[in-house]
Amino acid sequence: MPGEAIFGPFFGMLLLTFVVWVYLYVRRLAFIKANNIDAQQLTTPVRGEQIIPEEVSYPSYNFRNLFELPVVFYALCLYLYVTHGVDEVYVVAAWAFFGLRLLHSLIHSTSNIVMFRFVAYMASALTLWFMVLRAAIDFFVL
């Protein structure tokens, strides 16, 4: 399997982050415009949270979340590519991670049903930690 195969889910995550970024601004700006809010009232995140309803900010919370575990995913993908460690198991796991993070983002940015979001998050986290542990074992044993 070519090492470049790991970049499909890698770029999927990058594009997901971009889509959430666009969506968060669409939601925020629509709310600000519809409610004639002066942008100067939003000088800090705390002030913004006092003015903008929580459900409008769901995509923003998800955007922040996309800079937590996915950062480990990006680093691992690059490590696997550079060390020629990419194989079918990693690629399938990487696509699973992306799919689960996509589901997590859809839930987090819309209905935000916590238990559904948690299940998607935990499944994606366990997939990622499987990949990390497998790579670490390969590194230390081989």
Protein backbone atom coordinates (compact mmCIF):
# COMPACT_ATOMS: atom_id res chain seq x y z
CA MET A 1 0.00 0.00 0.00
CA PRO A 2 1.45 3.39 -0.94
CA GLY A 3 2.27 5.62 2.01
CA GLU A 4 0.32 8.46 0.41
CA ALA A 5 -2.90 6.58 1.25
CA ILE A 6 -2.71 8.00 4.78
CA PHE A 7 -3.23 11.47 3.35
CA GLY A 8 -6.86 10.80 2.34
CA PRO A 9 -8.14 10.89 5.93
CA PHE A 10 -5.46 13.46 6.81
CA PHE A 11 -6.88 15.92 4.28
CA GLY A 12 -10.40 14.84 5.22
CA MET A 13 -9.71 16.12 8.74
CA LEU A 14 -8.23 19.35 7.42
CA LEU A 15 -11.26 19.92 5.20
CA LEU A 16 -13.62 19.08 8.07
CA THR A 17 -11.88 21.74 10.16
CA PHE A 18 -12.31 24.24 7.31
CA VAL A 19 -16.02 23.42 6.93
CA VAL A 20 -16.64 23.82 10.68
CA TRP A 21 -14.72 27.13 10.59
CA VAL A 22 -16.94 28.42 7.76
CA TYR A 23 -20.10 27.14 9.48
CA LEU A 24 -19.23 28.80 12.79
CA TYR A 25 -18.88 32.17 11.08
CA VAL A 26 -22.05 31.72 9.05
CA ARG A 27 -23.98 30.98 12.26
CA ARG A 28 -22.35 33.78 14.26
CA LEU A 29 -22.59 36.45 11.59
CA ALA A 30 -26.22 35.58 10.83
CA PHE A 31 -27.07 35.94 14.53
CA ILE A 32 -25.15 39.21 14.85
CA LYS A 33 -26.83 40.67 11.77
CA ALA A 34 -30.34 39.45 12.68
CA ASN A 35 -30.02 40.98 16.15
CA ASN A 36 -28.24 44.21 15.11
CA ILE A 37 -25.36 43.57 17.50
CA ASP A 38 -22.46 46.00 17.37
CA ALA A 39 -19.29 43.99 16.77
CA GLN A 40 -17.50 46.10 19.41
CA GLN A 41 -19.66 44.35 22.03
CA LEU A 42 -17.82 41.11 21.21
CA THR A 43 -14.31 42.18 22.20
CA THR A 44 -13.57 39.02 24.23
CA PRO A 45 -14.82 35.43 24.21
CA VAL A 46 -16.44 36.03 27.62
CA ARG A 47 -18.42 39.00 26.33
CA GLY A 48 -19.38 37.03 23.24
CA GLU A 49 -20.68 34.17 25.38
CA GLN A 50 -22.84 36.64 27.29
CA ILE A 51 -24.44 37.89 24.07
CA ILE A 52 -24.47 34.96 21.65
CA PRO A 53 -26.70 32.00 22.66
CA GLU A 54 -25.01 28.68 23.37
CA GLU A 55 -26.66 26.89 20.44
CA VAL A 56 -25.28 29.50 18.02
CA SER A 57 -21.82 28.84 19.46
CA TYR A 58 -21.90 25.03 19.13
CA PRO A 59 -19.80 25.11 15.93
CA SER A 60 -17.27 27.34 17.68
CA TYR A 61 -16.91 24.84 20.52
CA ASN A 62 -16.48 22.07 17.97
CA PHE A 63 -13.84 24.09 16.11
CA ARG A 64 -11.80 24.35 19.32
CA ASN A 65 -12.22 20.61 19.83
CA LEU A 66 -10.75 19.98 16.37
CA PHE A 67 -7.42 21.25 17.73
CA GLU A 68 -7.19 18.70 20.50
CA LEU A 69 -6.96 14.98 19.59
CA PRO A 70 -6.81 15.63 15.83
CA VAL A 71 -3.41 17.27 16.36
CA VAL A 72 -2.13 13.88 17.57
CA PHE A 73 -3.70 12.32 14.45
CA TYR A 74 -1.88 14.75 12.13
CA ALA A 75 1.45 14.14 13.83
CA LEU A 76 0.97 10.38 13.69
CA CYS A 77 0.02 10.43 9.99
CA LEU A 78 3.16 12.40 9.17
CA TYR A 79 5.28 10.08 11.32
CA LEU A 80 3.85 7.00 9.59
CA TYR A 81 4.47 8.48 6.15
CA VAL A 82 8.04 9.59 6.90
CA THR A 83 8.99 6.25 8.47
CA HIS A 84 7.28 4.24 5.70
CA GLY A 85 5.02 2.68 8.33
CA VAL A 86 1.73 3.16 6.49
CA ASP A 87 -0.16 -0.08 5.97
CA GLU A 88 -3.76 -1.12 5.40
CA VAL A 89 -4.55 -1.30 9.12
CA TYR A 90 -3.41 2.31 9.67
CA VAL A 91 -5.29 3.57 6.62
CA VAL A 92 -8.54 1.85 7.64
CA ALA A 93 -8.14 3.15 11.20
CA ALA A 94 -7.39 6.65 9.92
CA TRP A 95 -10.56 6.63 7.78
CA ALA A 96 -12.51 5.37 10.80
CA PHE A 97 -11.07 8.18 12.90
CA PHE A 98 -12.06 10.72 10.26
CA GLY A 99 -15.57 9.27 9.90
CA LEU A 100 -16.12 9.28 13.65
CA ARG A 101 -14.78 12.84 13.96
CA LEU A 102 -17.10 13.88 11.12
CA LEU A 103 -20.03 12.36 13.02
CA HIS A 104 -18.84 14.04 16.22
CA SER A 105 -18.67 17.42 14.45
CA LEU A 106 -22.14 16.99 12.94
CA ILE A 107 -23.60 16.25 16.37
CA HIS A 108 -21.56 18.89 18.21
CA SER A 109 -22.33 21.66 15.70
CA THR A 110 -26.08 20.99 15.44
CA SER A 111 -28.23 19.09 17.96
CA ASN A 112 -25.38 18.65 20.46
CA ILE A 113 -26.95 15.60 22.07
CA VAL A 114 -24.25 14.93 24.62
CA MET A 115 -24.45 11.13 24.85
CA PHE A 116 -24.39 10.70 21.04
CA ARG A 117 -21.51 13.18 20.83
CA PHE A 118 -19.66 11.35 23.63
CA VAL A 119 -20.00 7.96 21.92
CA ALA A 120 -18.64 9.37 18.63
CA TYR A 121 -15.83 11.12 20.50
CA MET A 122 -14.86 8.08 22.54
CA ALA A 123 -14.93 5.76 19.52
CA SER A 124 -12.69 8.18 17.59
CA ALA A 125 -10.35 8.57 20.57
CA LEU A 126 -10.02 4.82 21.02
CA THR A 127 -9.30 4.44 17.30
CA LEU A 128 -6.58 7.08 17.52
CA TRP A 129 -5.02 5.60 20.66
CA PHE A 130 -4.99 2.19 18.96
CA MET A 131 -3.01 3.75 16.11
CA VAL A 132 -0.63 5.53 18.50
CA LEU A 133 0.01 2.44 20.62
CA ARG A 134 0.54 0.28 17.55
CA ALA A 135 3.07 2.76 16.16
CA ALA A 136 4.84 3.04 19.53
CA ILE A 137 5.09 -0.74 19.86
CA ASP A 138 6.47 -0.97 16.33
CA PHE A 139 8.99 1.75 17.15
CA PHE A 140 10.21 0.30 20.41
CA VAL A 141 10.12 -3.38 19.40
CA LEU A 142 11.50 -3.08 15.89
